[in-house]
N, C-alpha and C. Protein backbone atom coordinates (compact mmCIF):
# COMPACT_ATOMS: atom_id res chain seq x y z
N MET A 1 -25.38 74.28 193.22
CA MET A 1 -25.28 75.27 192.19
C MET A 1 -23.88 75.25 191.60
N PHE A 2 -23.84 75.32 190.31
CA PHE A 2 -22.57 75.31 189.60
C PHE A 2 -22.70 76.37 188.51
N ARG A 3 -21.93 77.45 188.60
CA ARG A 3 -22.02 78.52 187.59
C ARG A 3 -20.65 78.66 186.93
N ILE A 4 -20.66 78.71 185.63
CA ILE A 4 -19.44 78.79 184.84
C ILE A 4 -19.53 80.00 183.95
N GLU A 5 -18.51 80.87 184.03
CA GLU A 5 -18.52 82.11 183.27
C GLU A 5 -17.19 82.31 182.58
N ARG A 6 -17.23 82.58 181.32
CA ARG A 6 -16.02 82.94 180.58
C ARG A 6 -15.82 84.45 180.78
N THR A 7 -14.77 84.84 181.50
CA THR A 7 -14.60 86.24 181.87
C THR A 7 -13.50 86.93 181.07
N GLY A 8 -12.90 86.25 180.13
CA GLY A 8 -11.86 86.83 179.29
C GLY A 8 -11.51 85.84 178.21
N ASN A 9 -10.59 86.22 177.32
CA ASN A 9 -10.20 85.33 176.24
C ASN A 9 -9.70 83.98 176.75
N ASN A 10 -8.95 84.02 177.87
CA ASN A 10 -8.35 82.81 178.39
C ASN A 10 -8.67 82.59 179.85
N ARG A 11 -9.82 83.07 180.26
CA ARG A 11 -10.17 83.01 181.69
C ARG A 11 -11.57 82.38 181.87
N LEU A 12 -11.61 81.47 182.81
CA LEU A 12 -12.86 80.83 183.18
C LEU A 12 -13.05 80.93 184.69
N ASP A 13 -14.21 81.40 185.11
CA ASP A 13 -14.53 81.48 186.51
C ASP A 13 -15.65 80.50 186.81
N ILE A 14 -15.46 79.70 187.84
CA ILE A 14 -16.43 78.68 188.23
C ILE A 14 -16.81 78.92 189.70
N VAL A 15 -18.10 78.92 189.97
CA VAL A 15 -18.60 79.03 191.33
C VAL A 15 -19.38 77.77 191.65
N MET A 16 -19.03 77.15 192.78
CA MET A 16 -19.73 75.93 193.17
C MET A 16 -20.27 76.10 194.59
N SER A 17 -21.51 75.72 194.79
CA SER A 17 -22.11 75.76 196.08
C SER A 17 -23.11 74.62 196.20
N GLY A 18 -23.06 73.91 197.28
CA GLY A 18 -24.00 72.81 197.47
C GLY A 18 -23.50 71.51 196.86
N ARG A 19 -24.42 70.59 196.77
CA ARG A 19 -24.08 69.23 196.33
C ARG A 19 -24.45 69.01 194.87
N LEU A 20 -23.53 68.44 194.12
CA LEU A 20 -23.79 68.11 192.72
C LEU A 20 -24.38 66.71 192.62
N ASP A 21 -25.47 66.60 191.86
CA ASP A 21 -26.02 65.28 191.57
C ASP A 21 -25.66 64.93 190.12
N GLU A 22 -26.12 63.79 189.67
CA GLU A 22 -25.76 63.29 188.34
C GLU A 22 -26.11 64.30 187.23
N ASP A 23 -27.32 64.83 187.27
CA ASP A 23 -27.76 65.74 186.24
C ASP A 23 -26.96 67.04 186.25
N SER A 24 -26.75 67.62 187.44
CA SER A 24 -26.00 68.88 187.51
C SER A 24 -24.54 68.68 187.15
N MET A 25 -23.95 67.52 187.46
CA MET A 25 -22.59 67.20 187.06
C MET A 25 -22.48 67.11 185.54
N ARG A 26 -23.42 66.43 184.94
CA ARG A 26 -23.43 66.27 183.47
C ARG A 26 -23.51 67.66 182.82
N LYS A 27 -24.42 68.49 183.28
CA LYS A 27 -24.59 69.83 182.70
C LYS A 27 -23.35 70.68 182.91
N ALA A 28 -22.77 70.60 184.10
CA ALA A 28 -21.56 71.41 184.41
C ALA A 28 -20.40 70.99 183.51
N LEU A 29 -20.17 69.72 183.35
CA LEU A 29 -19.06 69.25 182.51
C LEU A 29 -19.29 69.63 181.04
N ASP A 30 -20.53 69.50 180.57
CA ASP A 30 -20.84 69.93 179.19
C ASP A 30 -20.58 71.41 178.99
N GLU A 31 -20.97 72.21 179.98
CA GLU A 31 -20.77 73.66 179.88
C GLU A 31 -19.28 74.02 179.92
N ILE A 32 -18.52 73.35 180.77
CA ILE A 32 -17.08 73.60 180.82
C ILE A 32 -16.44 73.28 179.47
N VAL A 33 -16.78 72.16 178.89
CA VAL A 33 -16.23 71.78 177.58
C VAL A 33 -16.59 72.85 176.54
N ALA A 34 -17.86 73.27 176.51
CA ALA A 34 -18.30 74.26 175.52
C ALA A 34 -17.59 75.59 175.70
N LYS A 35 -17.37 76.01 176.93
CA LYS A 35 -16.78 77.33 177.17
C LYS A 35 -15.26 77.37 177.12
N THR A 36 -14.63 76.21 176.94
CA THR A 36 -13.15 76.19 176.89
C THR A 36 -12.61 75.76 175.54
N VAL A 37 -13.46 75.64 174.55
CA VAL A 37 -13.04 75.13 173.26
C VAL A 37 -11.81 75.82 172.68
N ASP A 38 -11.75 77.13 172.75
CA ASP A 38 -10.64 77.86 172.11
C ASP A 38 -9.68 78.50 173.11
N ILE A 39 -9.68 78.04 174.33
CA ILE A 39 -8.76 78.59 175.34
C ILE A 39 -7.40 77.95 175.20
N GLU A 40 -6.36 78.80 175.27
CA GLU A 40 -4.97 78.35 175.32
C GLU A 40 -4.29 79.13 176.42
N ASN A 41 -3.39 78.48 177.16
CA ASN A 41 -2.70 79.13 178.28
C ASN A 41 -3.69 79.78 179.24
N GLY A 42 -4.74 79.07 179.52
CA GLY A 42 -5.86 79.61 180.29
C GLY A 42 -5.59 79.75 181.77
N LYS A 43 -6.44 80.54 182.37
CA LYS A 43 -6.45 80.77 183.82
C LYS A 43 -7.85 80.46 184.32
N MET A 44 -7.92 79.86 185.49
CA MET A 44 -9.21 79.47 186.05
C MET A 44 -9.29 79.92 187.51
N LEU A 45 -10.44 80.53 187.85
CA LEU A 45 -10.72 80.88 189.23
C LEU A 45 -11.90 80.05 189.67
N TYR A 46 -11.67 79.18 190.65
CA TYR A 46 -12.68 78.25 191.13
C TYR A 46 -13.08 78.66 192.55
N ASP A 47 -14.30 79.13 192.71
CA ASP A 47 -14.76 79.62 193.99
C ASP A 47 -15.72 78.57 194.61
N VAL A 48 -15.25 77.93 195.66
CA VAL A 48 -16.03 76.93 196.37
C VAL A 48 -16.72 77.61 197.53
N VAL A 49 -17.98 77.95 197.35
CA VAL A 49 -18.73 78.72 198.35
C VAL A 49 -19.14 77.81 199.51
N ASP A 50 -19.69 76.68 199.21
CA ASP A 50 -20.19 75.76 200.22
C ASP A 50 -19.97 74.34 199.72
N PHE A 51 -18.90 73.70 200.19
CA PHE A 51 -18.51 72.39 199.66
C PHE A 51 -19.31 71.25 200.28
N HIS A 52 -19.83 70.41 199.38
CA HIS A 52 -20.44 69.15 199.76
C HIS A 52 -19.95 68.10 198.77
N LEU A 53 -19.67 66.92 199.24
CA LEU A 53 -19.28 65.85 198.32
C LEU A 53 -20.38 65.63 197.29
N PRO A 54 -20.01 65.40 196.03
CA PRO A 54 -21.01 65.08 195.03
C PRO A 54 -21.64 63.71 195.30
N THR A 55 -22.80 63.49 194.72
CA THR A 55 -23.45 62.17 194.86
C THR A 55 -22.60 61.15 194.15
N LEU A 56 -22.83 59.88 194.49
CA LEU A 56 -22.10 58.78 193.86
C LEU A 56 -22.33 58.76 192.35
N SER A 57 -23.55 59.01 191.92
CA SER A 57 -23.84 59.01 190.50
C SER A 57 -23.12 60.17 189.79
N ALA A 58 -22.96 61.29 190.48
CA ALA A 58 -22.23 62.43 189.90
C ALA A 58 -20.75 62.07 189.73
N ILE A 59 -20.19 61.38 190.73
CA ILE A 59 -18.79 60.94 190.65
C ILE A 59 -18.61 59.97 189.49
N ARG A 60 -19.54 59.08 189.28
CA ARG A 60 -19.47 58.16 188.14
C ARG A 60 -19.41 58.92 186.80
N ILE A 61 -20.24 59.96 186.68
CA ILE A 61 -20.24 60.77 185.47
C ILE A 61 -18.87 61.41 185.29
N GLU A 62 -18.31 61.95 186.36
CA GLU A 62 -17.00 62.60 186.30
C GLU A 62 -15.91 61.61 185.88
N PHE A 63 -15.92 60.42 186.46
CA PHE A 63 -14.91 59.40 186.07
C PHE A 63 -15.12 58.92 184.63
N ALA A 64 -16.34 58.83 184.20
CA ALA A 64 -16.61 58.41 182.81
C ALA A 64 -16.04 59.42 181.82
N ARG A 65 -16.00 60.67 182.21
CA ARG A 65 -15.50 61.71 181.32
C ARG A 65 -14.07 62.11 181.61
N LEU A 66 -13.42 61.38 182.45
CA LEU A 66 -12.05 61.72 182.88
C LEU A 66 -11.09 61.91 181.69
N PRO A 67 -11.06 61.03 180.71
CA PRO A 67 -10.12 61.23 179.59
C PRO A 67 -10.32 62.58 178.89
N SER A 68 -11.54 62.97 178.61
CA SER A 68 -11.77 64.26 177.95
C SER A 68 -11.46 65.42 178.89
N MET A 69 -11.71 65.26 180.18
CA MET A 69 -11.40 66.31 181.14
C MET A 69 -9.89 66.51 181.28
N LEU A 70 -9.12 65.43 181.20
CA LEU A 70 -7.67 65.55 181.26
C LEU A 70 -7.15 66.35 180.08
N GLY A 71 -7.71 66.12 178.90
CA GLY A 71 -7.35 66.88 177.73
C GLY A 71 -7.69 68.34 177.86
N LEU A 72 -8.84 68.60 178.43
CA LEU A 72 -9.29 69.96 178.65
C LEU A 72 -8.36 70.72 179.60
N MET A 73 -7.87 70.06 180.62
CA MET A 73 -7.01 70.69 181.61
C MET A 73 -5.69 71.14 180.99
N LYS A 74 -5.29 70.54 179.88
CA LYS A 74 -4.06 70.95 179.20
C LYS A 74 -4.18 72.36 178.63
N ARG A 75 -5.37 72.89 178.54
CA ARG A 75 -5.59 74.23 178.01
C ARG A 75 -5.30 75.31 179.05
N PHE A 76 -5.05 74.89 180.30
CA PHE A 76 -4.89 75.84 181.39
C PHE A 76 -3.47 75.77 181.97
N ASP A 77 -2.95 76.95 182.34
CA ASP A 77 -1.64 77.05 182.99
C ASP A 77 -1.77 77.17 184.48
N ARG A 78 -2.81 77.90 184.91
CA ARG A 78 -2.98 78.19 186.34
C ARG A 78 -4.46 78.07 186.73
N ALA A 79 -4.64 77.62 187.96
CA ALA A 79 -5.98 77.58 188.54
C ALA A 79 -5.87 78.01 190.00
N ALA A 80 -6.69 78.97 190.38
CA ALA A 80 -6.76 79.41 191.76
C ALA A 80 -8.07 78.87 192.37
N VAL A 81 -7.98 78.25 193.53
CA VAL A 81 -9.14 77.69 194.17
C VAL A 81 -9.41 78.48 195.46
N LEU A 82 -10.57 79.12 195.51
CA LEU A 82 -10.98 79.87 196.70
C LEU A 82 -11.88 78.99 197.56
N THR A 83 -11.48 78.77 198.80
CA THR A 83 -12.29 77.99 199.72
C THR A 83 -11.88 78.32 201.15
N ASP A 84 -12.85 78.25 202.05
CA ASP A 84 -12.54 78.46 203.45
C ASP A 84 -12.08 77.20 204.16
N LYS A 85 -12.09 76.08 203.45
CA LYS A 85 -11.64 74.81 204.01
C LYS A 85 -10.16 74.61 203.68
N ARG A 86 -9.33 74.69 204.68
CA ARG A 86 -7.88 74.55 204.47
C ARG A 86 -7.51 73.21 203.82
N TRP A 87 -8.18 72.14 204.25
CA TRP A 87 -7.90 70.82 203.68
C TRP A 87 -8.23 70.77 202.19
N LEU A 88 -9.27 71.51 201.77
CA LEU A 88 -9.64 71.53 200.37
C LEU A 88 -8.63 72.33 199.54
N GLN A 89 -8.07 73.38 200.14
CA GLN A 89 -6.99 74.12 199.49
C GLN A 89 -5.80 73.21 199.20
N LYS A 90 -5.43 72.42 200.20
CA LYS A 90 -4.27 71.52 200.07
C LYS A 90 -4.55 70.41 199.05
N ILE A 91 -5.73 69.82 199.10
CA ILE A 91 -6.06 68.77 198.14
C ILE A 91 -6.06 69.34 196.70
N SER A 92 -6.56 70.55 196.53
CA SER A 92 -6.56 71.17 195.22
C SER A 92 -5.11 71.35 194.70
N GLU A 93 -4.25 71.81 195.59
CA GLU A 93 -2.85 71.97 195.19
C GLU A 93 -2.20 70.64 194.84
N MET A 94 -2.53 69.61 195.62
CA MET A 94 -1.98 68.27 195.31
C MET A 94 -2.51 67.75 194.00
N GLU A 95 -3.74 68.09 193.66
CA GLU A 95 -4.30 67.68 192.37
C GLU A 95 -3.47 68.21 191.20
N GLY A 96 -2.88 69.40 191.40
CA GLY A 96 -2.03 69.99 190.39
C GLY A 96 -0.81 69.14 190.05
N TRP A 97 -0.40 68.28 190.99
CA TRP A 97 0.74 67.39 190.72
C TRP A 97 0.47 66.44 189.55
N PHE A 98 -0.79 66.17 189.28
CA PHE A 98 -1.14 65.22 188.23
C PHE A 98 -1.19 65.88 186.83
N PHE A 99 -1.06 67.20 186.81
CA PHE A 99 -1.08 67.96 185.57
C PHE A 99 0.21 68.75 185.47
N PRO A 100 1.21 68.24 184.71
CA PRO A 100 2.52 68.86 184.69
C PRO A 100 2.53 70.31 184.25
N ASN A 101 1.62 70.73 183.39
CA ASN A 101 1.62 72.11 182.89
C ASN A 101 0.63 72.99 183.62
N LEU A 102 0.01 72.50 184.67
CA LEU A 102 -1.00 73.26 185.39
C LEU A 102 -0.57 73.46 186.85
N GLU A 103 -0.49 74.72 187.25
CA GLU A 103 -0.19 75.03 188.63
C GLU A 103 -1.51 75.41 189.33
N ILE A 104 -1.80 74.75 190.43
CA ILE A 104 -2.99 75.03 191.19
C ILE A 104 -2.60 75.53 192.56
N ARG A 105 -3.23 76.64 192.98
CA ARG A 105 -2.98 77.18 194.30
C ARG A 105 -4.31 77.41 195.00
N GLY A 106 -4.32 77.07 196.29
CA GLY A 106 -5.49 77.31 197.10
C GLY A 106 -5.39 78.61 197.87
N PHE A 107 -6.49 79.33 197.97
CA PHE A 107 -6.56 80.59 198.68
C PHE A 107 -7.83 80.59 199.55
N ALA A 108 -7.77 81.31 200.66
CA ALA A 108 -8.98 81.54 201.47
C ALA A 108 -9.94 82.42 200.65
N ARG A 109 -11.22 82.23 200.84
CA ARG A 109 -12.18 82.99 200.07
C ARG A 109 -12.03 84.50 200.28
N ASP A 110 -11.60 84.94 201.44
CA ASP A 110 -11.43 86.38 201.65
C ASP A 110 -10.09 86.90 201.11
N ASP A 111 -9.33 86.02 200.45
CA ASP A 111 -8.07 86.40 199.81
C ASP A 111 -8.23 86.41 198.28
N ARG A 112 -9.42 86.68 197.81
CA ARG A 112 -9.70 86.68 196.37
C ARG A 112 -8.73 87.60 195.64
N HIS A 113 -8.42 88.76 196.20
CA HIS A 113 -7.51 89.69 195.54
C HIS A 113 -6.12 89.07 195.34
N LYS A 114 -5.67 88.28 196.29
CA LYS A 114 -4.37 87.58 196.14
C LYS A 114 -4.44 86.55 195.01
N ALA A 115 -5.55 85.86 194.93
CA ALA A 115 -5.75 84.87 193.87
C ALA A 115 -5.77 85.56 192.51
N GLU A 116 -6.48 86.67 192.42
CA GLU A 116 -6.55 87.42 191.17
C GLU A 116 -5.17 87.93 190.76
N GLU A 117 -4.39 88.43 191.72
CA GLU A 117 -3.04 88.92 191.44
C GLU A 117 -2.16 87.77 190.93
N TRP A 118 -2.26 86.61 191.59
CA TRP A 118 -1.46 85.47 191.17
C TRP A 118 -1.84 85.01 189.74
N LEU A 119 -3.13 84.99 189.45
CA LEU A 119 -3.56 84.61 188.10
C LEU A 119 -3.09 85.58 187.02
N SER A 120 -2.94 86.85 187.39
CA SER A 120 -2.60 87.84 186.38
C SER A 120 -1.11 88.22 186.37
N GLU A 121 -0.29 87.47 187.11
CA GLU A 121 1.15 87.73 187.09
C GLU A 121 1.70 87.63 185.66
N GLU A 122 2.88 88.20 185.47
CA GLU A 122 3.51 88.21 184.16
C GLU A 122 3.48 86.83 183.52
N GLY A 123 3.08 86.85 182.25
CA GLY A 123 2.96 85.58 181.52
C GLY A 123 1.60 84.96 181.65
N ALA A 124 0.76 85.51 182.50
CA ALA A 124 -0.59 85.01 182.68
C ALA A 124 -1.56 85.91 181.96
N SER A 125 -2.19 85.41 180.92
CA SER A 125 -3.13 86.24 180.15
C SER A 125 -4.56 85.95 180.56
N THR A 126 -5.39 86.96 180.65
CA THR A 126 -6.80 86.79 181.00
C THR A 126 -7.68 87.33 179.92
């Protein structure tokens, strides 16, 4: 399951649970593109409820769209990743190194309030 919700002018909330296959990856990426068209200085809250590696065909779809996804990520300043997997928090933060204008922080799922506070700090519009 992949749910994407625009929760403010510059805020996108994504919930992921389970395994993404080719079709669900394609739909998710299309929806992300559609819902971020006019976002600037955006904030993203990514809630990983139950992580499973995507299928190989889903990964191919993601790599095929990588150039457009990189452009899309420039619309965001901050992303908070909620997950109970400590290794996934760290990998998410390391992923932020590839996007100079995007800061990514990992939080435990029961620390949602801390993630929300961090996203809404001064200079962060939602």
